[in-house]
Amino acid sequence: MHAVIYVWVEISDDDEELSAIASQCGYDFDHPQVLDVQEPVPALLHGEPCLSLRLTLANPVSGNELEQLMNTGRLDLSHPSVSACRLLAIEPAL
């Protein structure tokens, strides 16, 4: 099973684009249920720009379990132009 997490990113450098940050940043999502994390890509969530990361999960999970996974997992996102980030949402990937 796969899921997608959406991440709000505060960019401290006005010259930096979200797409460049997505391709250049270090990233991980640490949770026992997560087997693999794909490279972030620029996305829109409710019309707002963000990054999305596709997670490969060890087992199928329900909606409530996805929320719990998002709340108990740890996101590591590193880039010199990122001053803050926050998990916004998680949903099953098609």
PDB file of N, CA and C in Angstrom:
ATOM      1  N   MET A   1       0.844  -1.179   0.000  1.00  0.00           N
ATOM      2  CA  MET A   1       0.000   0.000   0.000  1.00  0.00           C
ATOM      3  C   MET A   1       0.887   1.239   0.000  1.00  0.00           C
ATOM      4  N   HIS A   2       0.364   2.294  -0.593  1.00  0.00           N
ATOM      5  CA  HIS A   2       1.075   3.568  -0.626  1.00  0.00           C
ATOM      6  C   HIS A   2       0.200   4.667  -0.037  1.00  0.00           C
ATOM      7  N   ALA A   3       0.852   5.690   0.488  1.00  0.00           N
ATOM      8  CA  ALA A   3       0.167   6.887   0.980  1.00  0.00           C
ATOM      9  C   ALA A   3       0.975   8.088   0.527  1.00  0.00           C
ATOM     10  N   VAL A   4       0.335   9.242   0.508  1.00  0.00           N
ATOM     11  CA  VAL A   4       1.006  10.492   0.153  1.00  0.00           C
ATOM     12  C   VAL A   4       0.855  11.448   1.321  1.00  0.00           C
ATOM     13  N   ILE A   5       1.973  12.034   1.755  1.00  0.00           N
ATOM     14  CA  ILE A   5       1.912  13.083   2.770  1.00  0.00           C
ATOM     15  C   ILE A   5       2.191  14.424   2.096  1.00  0.00           C
ATOM     16  N   TYR A   6       1.524  15.446   2.588  1.00  0.00           N
ATOM     17  CA  TYR A   6       1.683  16.800   2.071  1.00  0.00           C
ATOM     18  C   TYR A   6       2.359  17.644   3.144  1.00  0.00           C
ATOM     19  N   VAL A   7       3.351  18.415   2.716  1.00  0.00           N
ATOM     20  CA  VAL A   7       4.189  19.156   3.650  1.00  0.00           C
ATOM     21  C   VAL A   7       4.229  20.627   3.262  1.00  0.00           C
ATOM     22  N   TRP A   8       3.845  21.502   4.184  1.00  0.00           N
ATOM     23  CA  TRP A   8       4.007  22.940   4.012  1.00  0.00           C
ATOM     24  C   TRP A   8       5.470  23.274   4.278  1.00  0.00           C
ATOM     25  N   VAL A   9       6.031  24.129   3.436  1.00  0.00           N
ATOM     26  CA  VAL A   9       7.443  24.494   3.557  1.00  0.00           C
ATOM     27  C   VAL A   9       7.556  26.014   3.576  1.00  0.00           C
ATOM     28  N   GLU A  10       8.247  26.538   4.578  1.00  0.00           N
ATOM     29  CA  GLU A  10       8.555  27.970   4.617  1.00  0.00           C
ATOM     30  C   GLU A  10       9.929  28.171   3.993  1.00  0.00           C
ATOM     31  N   ILE A  11       9.965  28.945   2.918  1.00  0.00           N
ATOM     32  CA  ILE A  11      11.218  29.183   2.194  1.00  0.00           C
ATOM     33  C   ILE A  11      11.786  30.521   2.623  1.00  0.00           C
ATOM     34  N   SER A  12      13.013  30.509   3.131  1.00  0.00           N
ATOM     35  CA  SER A  12      13.623  31.736   3.650  1.00  0.00           C
ATOM     36  C   SER A  12      14.368  32.525   2.579  1.00  0.00           C
ATOM     37  N   ASP A  13      14.594  31.945   1.423  1.00  0.00           N
ATOM     38  CA  ASP A  13      15.317  32.607   0.339  1.00  0.00           C
ATOM     39  C   ASP A  13      14.343  32.908  -0.800  1.00  0.00           C
ATOM     40  N   ASP A  14      14.108  34.203  -1.065  1.00  0.00           N
ATOM     41  CA  ASP A  14      13.143  34.602  -2.097  1.00  0.00           C
ATOM     42  C   ASP A  14      13.526  34.124  -3.492  1.00  0.00           C
ATOM     43  N   ASP A  15      14.799  33.824  -3.711  1.00  0.00           N
ATOM     44  CA  ASP A  15      15.262  33.390  -5.031  1.00  0.00           C
ATOM     45  C   ASP A  15      15.101  31.890  -5.249  1.00  0.00           C
ATOM     46  N   GLU A  16      14.696  31.154  -4.227  1.00  0.00           N
ATOM     47  CA  GLU A  16      14.604  29.697  -4.314  1.00  0.00           C
ATOM     48  C   GLU A  16      13.187  29.277  -4.692  1.00  0.00           C
ATOM     49  N   GLU A  17      13.067  28.348  -5.617  1.00  0.00           N
ATOM     50  CA  GLU A  17      11.773  27.817  -6.058  1.00  0.00           C
ATOM     51  C   GLU A  17      11.475  26.503  -5.336  1.00  0.00           C
ATOM     52  N   LEU A  18      10.188  26.232  -5.145  1.00  0.00           N
ATOM     53  CA  LEU A  18       9.769  25.000  -4.489  1.00  0.00           C
ATOM     54  C   LEU A  18      10.251  23.768  -5.261  1.00  0.00           C
ATOM     55  N   SER A  19      10.244  23.842  -6.570  1.00  0.00           N
ATOM     56  CA  SER A  19      10.695  22.702  -7.378  1.00  0.00           C
ATOM     57  C   SER A  19      12.181  22.411  -7.161  1.00  0.00           C
ATOM     58  N   ALA A  20      12.987  23.457  -7.011  1.00  0.00           N
ATOM     59  CA  ALA A  20      14.416  23.263  -6.747  1.00  0.00           C
ATOM     60  C   ALA A  20      14.630  22.661  -5.364  1.00  0.00           C
ATOM     61  N   ILE A  21      13.875  23.126  -4.400  1.00  0.00           N
ATOM     62  CA  ILE A  21      13.974  22.568  -3.050  1.00  0.00           C
ATOM     63  C   ILE A  21      13.594  21.092  -3.066  1.00  0.00           C
ATOM     64  N   ALA A  22      12.537  20.754  -3.793  1.00  0.00           N
ATOM     65  CA  ALA A  22      12.092  19.354  -3.861  1.00  0.00           C
ATOM     66  C   ALA A  22      13.194  18.447  -4.400  1.00  0.00           C
ATOM     67  N   SER A  23      13.900  18.914  -5.412  1.00  0.00           N
ATOM     68  CA  SER A  23      14.912  18.050  -6.029  1.00  0.00           C
ATOM     69  C   SER A  23      16.250  18.071  -5.298  1.00  0.00           C
ATOM     70  N   GLN A  24      16.477  19.058  -4.437  1.00  0.00           N
ATOM     71  CA  GLN A  24      17.781  19.194  -3.782  1.00  0.00           C
ATOM     72  C   GLN A  24      17.777  18.857  -2.290  1.00  0.00           C
ATOM     73  N   CYS A  25      16.617  18.712  -1.684  1.00  0.00           N
ATOM     74  CA  CYS A  25      16.573  18.551  -0.228  1.00  0.00           C
ATOM     75  C   CYS A  25      16.866  17.115   0.195  1.00  0.00           C
ATOM     76  N   GLY A  26      17.305  17.007   1.437  1.00  0.00           N
ATOM     77  CA  GLY A  26      17.390  15.707   2.081  1.00  0.00           C
ATOM     78  C   GLY A  26      16.037  15.419   2.713  1.00  0.00           C
ATOM     79  N   TYR A  27      15.608  14.170   2.740  1.00  0.00           N
ATOM     80  CA  TYR A  27      14.269  13.860   3.241  1.00  0.00           C
ATOM     81  C   TYR A  27      14.198  12.446   3.799  1.00  0.00           C
ATOM     82  N   ASP A  28      13.306  12.259   4.747  1.00  0.00           N
ATOM     83  CA  ASP A  28      12.978  10.942   5.277  1.00  0.00           C
ATOM     84  C   ASP A  28      11.689  11.079   6.080  1.00  0.00           C
ATOM     85  N   PHE A  29      10.976   9.990   6.219  1.00  0.00           N
ATOM     86  CA  PHE A  29       9.815   9.930   7.102  1.00  0.00           C
ATOM     87  C   PHE A  29       9.980   8.678   7.929  1.00  0.00           C
ATOM     88  N   ASP A  30      10.241   8.856   9.207  1.00  0.00           N
ATOM     89  CA  ASP A  30      10.563   7.743  10.091  1.00  0.00           C
ATOM     90  C   ASP A  30       9.311   7.263  10.831  1.00  0.00           C
ATOM     91  N   HIS A  31       8.939   6.024  10.536  1.00  0.00           N
ATOM     92  CA  HIS A  31       7.819   5.365  11.210  1.00  0.00           C
ATOM     93  C   HIS A  31       7.963   3.871  10.925  1.00  0.00           C
ATOM     94  N   PRO A  32       7.681   3.007  11.908  1.00  0.00           N
ATOM     95  CA  PRO A  32       7.838   1.559  11.683  1.00  0.00           C
ATOM     96  C   PRO A  32       7.028   1.024  10.504  1.00  0.00           C
ATOM     97  N   GLN A  33       5.922   1.648  10.167  1.00  0.00           N
ATOM     98  CA  GLN A  33       5.057   1.188   9.081  1.00  0.00           C
ATOM     99  C   GLN A  33       5.583   1.602   7.702  1.00  0.00           C
ATOM    100  N   VAL A  34       6.506   2.568   7.647  1.00  0.00           N
ATOM    101  CA  VAL A  34       6.994   3.106   6.374  1.00  0.00           C
ATOM    102  C   VAL A  34       8.247   2.351   5.926  1.00  0.00           C
ATOM    103  N   LEU A  35       8.155   1.734   4.734  1.00  0.00           N
ATOM    104  CA  LEU A  35       9.279   0.977   4.178  1.00  0.00           C
ATOM    105  C   LEU A  35      10.173   1.835   3.288  1.00  0.00           C
ATOM    106  N   ASP A  36       9.565   2.792   2.569  1.00  0.00           N
ATOM    107  CA  ASP A  36      10.320   3.603   1.618  1.00  0.00           C
ATOM    108  C   ASP A  36       9.634   4.952   1.450  1.00  0.00           C
ATOM    109  N   VAL A  37      10.440   5.972   1.130  1.00  0.00           N
ATOM    110  CA  VAL A  37       9.936   7.321   0.884  1.00  0.00           C
ATOM    111  C   VAL A  37      10.492   7.785  -0.450  1.00  0.00           C
ATOM    112  N   GLN A  38       9.608   8.191  -1.351  1.00  0.00           N
ATOM    113  CA  GLN A  38      10.057   8.695  -2.647  1.00  0.00           C
ATOM    114  C   GLN A  38      10.374  10.186  -2.547  1.00  0.00           C
ATOM    115  N   GLU A  39      11.194  10.647  -3.486  1.00  0.00           N
ATOM    116  CA  GLU A  39      11.625  12.046  -3.522  1.00  0.00           C
ATOM    117  C   GLU A  39      10.430  12.998  -3.513  1.00  0.00           C
ATOM    118  N   PRO A  40      10.532  14.084  -2.750  1.00  0.00           N
ATOM    119  CA  PRO A  40       9.443  15.066  -2.731  1.00  0.00           C
ATOM    120  C   PRO A  40       9.220  15.676  -4.114  1.00  0.00           C
ATOM    121  N   VAL A  41       7.975  16.041  -4.372  1.00  0.00           N
ATOM    122  CA  VAL A  41       7.620  16.747  -5.602  1.00  0.00           C
ATOM    123  C   VAL A  41       6.712  17.915  -5.234  1.00  0.00           C
ATOM    124  N   PRO A  42       6.768  18.998  -6.004  1.00  0.00           N
ATOM    125  CA  PRO A  42       5.853  20.116  -5.748  1.00  0.00           C
ATOM    126  C   PRO A  42       4.405  19.661  -5.963  1.00  0.00           C
ATOM    127  N   ALA A  43       3.510  20.174  -5.140  1.00  0.00           N
ATOM    128  CA  ALA A  43       2.095  19.806  -5.219  1.00  0.00           C
ATOM    129  C   ALA A  43       1.249  20.994  -4.778  1.00  0.00           C
ATOM    130  N   LEU A  44      -0.043  20.830  -4.929  1.00  0.00           N
ATOM    131  CA  LEU A  44      -1.015  21.790  -4.413  1.00  0.00           C
ATOM    132  C   LEU A  44      -1.970  21.049  -3.495  1.00  0.00           C
ATOM    133  N   LEU A  45      -2.244  21.627  -2.350  1.00  0.00           N
ATOM    134  CA  LEU A  45      -3.239  21.083  -1.431  1.00  0.00           C
ATOM    135  C   LEU A  45      -4.200  22.216  -1.113  1.00  0.00           C
ATOM    136  N   HIS A  46      -5.437  22.059  -1.522  1.00  0.00           N
ATOM    137  CA  HIS A  46      -6.453  23.112  -1.354  1.00  0.00           C
ATOM    138  C   HIS A  46      -5.978  24.430  -1.960  1.00  0.00           C
ATOM    139  N   GLY A  47      -5.287  24.326  -3.106  1.00  0.00           N
ATOM    140  CA  GLY A  47      -4.823  25.514  -3.816  1.00  0.00           C
ATOM    141  C   GLY A  47      -3.548  26.128  -3.293  1.00  0.00           C
ATOM    142  N   GLU A  48      -2.976  25.571  -2.250  1.00  0.00           N
ATOM    143  CA  GLU A  48      -1.750  26.103  -1.663  1.00  0.00           C
ATOM    144  C   GLU A  48      -0.550  25.251  -2.071  1.00  0.00           C
ATOM    145  N   PRO A  49       0.561  25.894  -2.457  1.00  0.00           N
ATOM    146  CA  PRO A  49       1.754  25.123  -2.830  1.00  0.00           C
ATOM    147  C   PRO A  49       2.357  24.405  -1.623  1.00  0.00           C
ATOM    148  N   CYS A  50       2.826  23.192  -1.872  1.00  0.00           N
ATOM    149  CA  CYS A  50       3.448  22.379  -0.829  1.00  0.00           C
ATOM    150  C   CYS A  50       4.300  21.318  -1.513  1.00  0.00           C
ATOM    151  N   LEU A  51       4.886  20.454  -0.724  1.00  0.00           N
ATOM    152  CA  LEU A  51       5.588  19.287  -1.248  1.00  0.00           C
ATOM    153  C   LEU A  51       4.769  18.053  -0.914  1.00  0.00           C
ATOM    154  N   SER A  52       4.841  17.047  -1.777  1.00  0.00           N
ATOM    155  CA  SER A  52       4.230  15.761  -1.454  1.00  0.00           C
ATOM    156  C   SER A  52       5.301  14.680  -1.527  1.00  0.00           C
ATOM    157  N   LEU A  53       5.187  13.710  -0.644  1.00  0.00           N
ATOM    158  CA  LEU A  53       6.093  12.566  -0.612  1.00  0.00           C
ATOM    159  C   LEU A  53       5.247  11.300  -0.606  1.00  0.00           C
ATOM    160  N   ARG A  54       5.590  10.368  -1.480  1.00  0.00           N
ATOM    161  CA  ARG A  54       4.868   9.093  -1.565  1.00  0.00           C
ATOM    162  C   ARG A  54       5.565   8.089  -0.648  1.00  0.00           C
ATOM    163  N   LEU A  55       4.781   7.480   0.235  1.00  0.00           N
ATOM    164  CA  LEU A  55       5.297   6.507   1.197  1.00  0.00           C
ATOM    165  C   LEU A  55       4.881   5.106   0.786  1.00  0.00           C
ATOM    166  N   THR A  56       5.792   4.166   0.883  1.00  0.00           N
ATOM    167  CA  THR A  56       5.454   2.755   0.728  1.00  0.00           C
ATOM    168  C   THR A  56       5.270   2.193   2.131  1.00  0.00           C
ATOM    169  N   LEU A  57       4.087   1.638   2.386  1.00  0.00           N
ATOM    170  CA  LEU A  57       3.746   1.142   3.714  1.00  0.00           C
ATOM    171  C   LEU A  57       3.873  -0.374   3.785  1.00  0.00           C
ATOM    172  N   ALA A  58       4.206  -0.868   4.970  1.00  0.00           N
ATOM    173  CA  ALA A  58       4.385  -2.302   5.172  1.00  0.00           C
ATOM    174  C   ALA A  58       3.061  -3.058   5.084  1.00  0.00           C
ATOM    175  N   ASN A  59       1.975  -2.436   5.535  1.00  0.00           N
ATOM    176  CA  ASN A  59       0.669  -3.090   5.564  1.00  0.00           C
ATOM    177  C   ASN A  59      -0.411  -2.096   5.169  1.00  0.00           C
ATOM    178  N   PRO A  60      -1.530  -2.578   4.636  1.00  0.00           N
ATOM    179  CA  PRO A  60      -2.657  -1.685   4.364  1.00  0.00           C
ATOM    180  C   PRO A  60      -3.167  -1.059   5.663  1.00  0.00           C
ATOM    181  N   VAL A  61      -3.573   0.200   5.588  1.00  0.00           N
ATOM    182  CA  VAL A  61      -4.085   0.899   6.775  1.00  0.00           C
ATOM    183  C   VAL A  61      -5.361   1.646   6.409  1.00  0.00           C
ATOM    184  N   SER A  62      -6.199   1.877   7.408  1.00  0.00           N
ATOM    185  CA  SER A  62      -7.458   2.598   7.214  1.00  0.00           C
ATOM    186  C   SER A  62      -7.222   4.096   7.368  1.00  0.00           C
ATOM    187  N   GLY A  63      -8.264   4.877   7.175  1.00  0.00           N
ATOM    188  CA  GLY A  63      -8.169   6.330   7.293  1.00  0.00           C
ATOM    189  C   GLY A  63      -7.688   6.791   8.654  1.00  0.00           C
ATOM    190  N   ASN A  64      -8.254   6.210   9.731  1.00  0.00           N
ATOM    191  CA  ASN A  64      -7.833   6.596  11.081  1.00  0.00           C
ATOM    192  C   ASN A  64      -6.383   6.216  11.331  1.00  0.00           C
ATOM    193  N   GLU A  65      -5.983   5.059  10.819  1.00  0.00           N
ATOM    194  CA  GLU A  65      -4.593   4.618  10.988  1.00  0.00           C
ATOM    195  C   GLU A  65      -3.636   5.520  10.212  1.00  0.00           C
ATOM    196  N   LEU A  66      -4.076   6.032   9.048  1.00  0.00           N
ATOM    197  CA  LEU A  66      -3.248   6.979   8.300  1.00  0.00           C
ATOM    198  C   LEU A  66      -3.020   8.244   9.108  1.00  0.00           C
ATOM    199  N   GLU A  67      -4.078   8.763   9.726  1.00  0.00           N
ATOM    200  CA  GLU A  67      -3.944   9.963  10.560  1.00  0.00           C
ATOM    201  C   GLU A  67      -2.980   9.704  11.715  1.00  0.00           C
ATOM    202  N   GLN A  68      -3.089   8.543  12.329  1.00  0.00           N
ATOM    203  CA  GLN A  68      -2.197   8.193  13.435  1.00  0.00           C
ATOM    204  C   GLN A  68      -0.749   8.097  12.945  1.00  0.00           C
ATOM    205  N   LEU A  69      -0.562   7.517  11.758  1.00  0.00           N
ATOM    206  CA  LEU A  69       0.772   7.412  11.173  1.00  0.00           C
ATOM    207  C   LEU A  69       1.364   8.811  10.973  1.00  0.00           C
ATOM    208  N   MET A  70       0.572   9.738  10.448  1.00  0.00           N
ATOM    209  CA  MET A  70       1.051  11.105  10.233  1.00  0.00           C
ATOM    210  C   MET A  70       1.399  11.770  11.568  1.00  0.00           C
ATOM    211  N   ASN A  71       0.586  11.527  12.592  1.00  0.00           N
ATOM    212  CA  ASN A  71       0.800  12.178  13.880  1.00  0.00           C
ATOM    213  C   ASN A  71       1.949  11.577  14.679  1.00  0.00           C
ATOM    214  N   THR A  72       2.297  10.322  14.421  1.00  0.00           N
ATOM    215  CA  THR A  72       3.352   9.682  15.209  1.00  0.00           C
ATOM    216  C   THR A  72       4.665   9.523  14.433  1.00  0.00           C
ATOM    217  N   GLY A  73       4.632   9.720  13.120  1.00  0.00           N
ATOM    218  CA  GLY A  73       5.854   9.642  12.320  1.00  0.00           C
ATOM    219  C   GLY A  73       6.685  10.906  12.461  1.00  0.00           C
ATOM    220  N   ARG A  74       7.952  10.813  12.052  1.00  0.00           N
ATOM    221  CA  ARG A  74       8.841  11.972  12.136  1.00  0.00           C
ATOM    222  C   ARG A  74       9.359  12.306  10.746  1.00  0.00           C
ATOM    223  N   LEU A  75       9.064  13.510  10.295  1.00  0.00           N
ATOM    224  CA  LEU A  75       9.541  13.993   9.005  1.00  0.00           C
ATOM    225  C   LEU A  75      10.883  14.686   9.184  1.00  0.00           C
ATOM    226  N   ASP A  76      11.849  14.318   8.357  1.00  0.00           N
ATOM    227  CA  ASP A  76      13.129  15.014   8.280  1.00  0.00           C
ATOM    228  C   ASP A  76      13.226  15.603   6.885  1.00  0.00           C
ATOM    229  N   LEU A  77      13.297  16.930   6.811  1.00  0.00           N
ATOM    230  CA  LEU A  77      13.417  17.621   5.534  1.00  0.00           C
ATOM    231  C   LEU A  77      14.498  18.679   5.719  1.00  0.00           C
ATOM    232  N   SER A  78      15.570  18.577   4.933  1.00  0.00           N
ATOM    233  CA  SER A  78      16.676  19.520   5.124  1.00  0.00           C
ATOM    234  C   SER A  78      17.071  20.178   3.809  1.00  0.00           C
ATOM    235  N   HIS A  79      17.160  21.483   3.872  1.00  0.00           N
ATOM    236  CA  HIS A  79      17.611  22.312   2.749  1.00  0.00           C
ATOM    237  C   HIS A  79      17.972  23.662   3.347  1.00  0.00           C
ATOM    238  N   PRO A  80      19.067  24.281   2.889  1.00  0.00           N
ATOM    239  CA  PRO A  80      19.475  25.562   3.479  1.00  0.00           C
ATOM    240  C   PRO A  80      18.427  26.676   3.359  1.00  0.00           C
ATOM    241  N   SER A  81      17.546  26.589   2.389  1.00  0.00           N
ATOM    242  CA  SER A  81      16.537  27.641   2.198  1.00  0.00           C
ATOM    243  C   SER A  81      15.200  27.335   2.868  1.00  0.00           C
ATOM    244  N   VAL A  82      15.112  26.224   3.577  1.00  0.00           N
ATOM    245  CA  VAL A  82      13.884  25.878   4.293  1.00  0.00           C
ATOM    246  C   VAL A  82      14.056  26.237   5.764  1.00  0.00           C
ATOM    247  N   SER A  83      13.236  27.183   6.217  1.00  0.00           N
ATOM    248  CA  SER A  83      13.339  27.602   7.622  1.00  0.00           C
ATOM    249  C   SER A  83      12.360  26.851   8.518  1.00  0.00           C
ATOM    250  N   ALA A  84      11.307  26.268   7.935  1.00  0.00           N
ATOM    251  CA  ALA A  84      10.339  25.497   8.722  1.00  0.00           C
ATOM    252  C   ALA A  84       9.522  24.623   7.772  1.00  0.00           C
ATOM    253  N   CYS A  85       8.968  23.553   8.332  1.00  0.00           N
ATOM    254  CA  CYS A  85       8.050  22.713   7.560  1.00  0.00           C
ATOM    255  C   CYS A  85       7.065  22.085   8.534  1.00  0.00           C
ATOM    256  N   ARG A  86       5.907  21.685   7.970  1.00  0.00           N
ATOM    257  CA  ARG A  86       4.854  21.110   8.801  1.00  0.00           C
ATOM    258  C   ARG A  86       4.036  20.138   7.964  1.00  0.00           C
ATOM    259  N   LEU A  87       3.699  18.999   8.543  1.00  0.00           N
ATOM    260  CA  LEU A  87       2.835  18.035   7.868  1.00  0.00           C
ATOM    261  C   LEU A  87       1.426  18.609   7.809  1.00  0.00           C
ATOM    262  N   LEU A  88       0.828  18.565   6.625  1.00  0.00           N
ATOM    263  CA  LEU A  88      -0.511  19.108   6.423  1.00  0.00           C
ATOM    264  C   LEU A  88      -1.582  18.026   6.359  1.00  0.00           C
ATOM    265  N   ALA A  89      -1.300  16.950   5.631  1.00  0.00           N
ATOM    266  CA  ALA A  89      -2.321  15.925   5.407  1.00  0.00           C
ATOM    267  C   ALA A  89      -1.659  14.646   4.924  1.00  0.00           C
ATOM    268  N   ILE A  90      -2.428  13.573   5.013  1.00  0.00           N
ATOM    269  CA  ILE A  90      -2.003  12.279   4.466  1.00  0.00           C
ATOM    270  C   ILE A  90      -3.228  11.651   3.815  1.00  0.00           C
ATOM    271  N   GLU A  91      -3.014  10.955   2.715  1.00  0.00           N
ATOM    272  CA  GLU A  91      -4.115  10.268   2.052  1.00  0.00           C
ATOM    273  C   GLU A  91      -3.583   9.030   1.349  1.00  0.00           C
ATOM    274  N   PRO A  92      -4.455   8.042   1.119  1.00  0.00           N
ATOM    275  CA  PRO A  92      -4.023   6.869   0.378  1.00  0.00           C
ATOM    276  C   PRO A  92      -3.645   7.265  -1.045  1.00  0.00           C
ATOM    277  N   ALA A  93      -2.608   6.656  -1.579  1.00  0.00           N
ATOM    278  CA  ALA A  93      -2.196   6.913  -2.951  1.00  0.00           C
ATOM    279  C   ALA A  93      -2.908   5.931  -3.863  1.00  0.00           C
ATOM    280  N   LEU A  94      -3.298   6.403  -5.006  1.00  0.00           N
ATOM    281  CA  LEU A  94      -3.979   5.533  -5.970  1.00  0.00           C
ATOM    282  C   LEU A  94      -2.989   4.787  -6.808  1.00  0.00           C
TER     283      LEU A  94
END
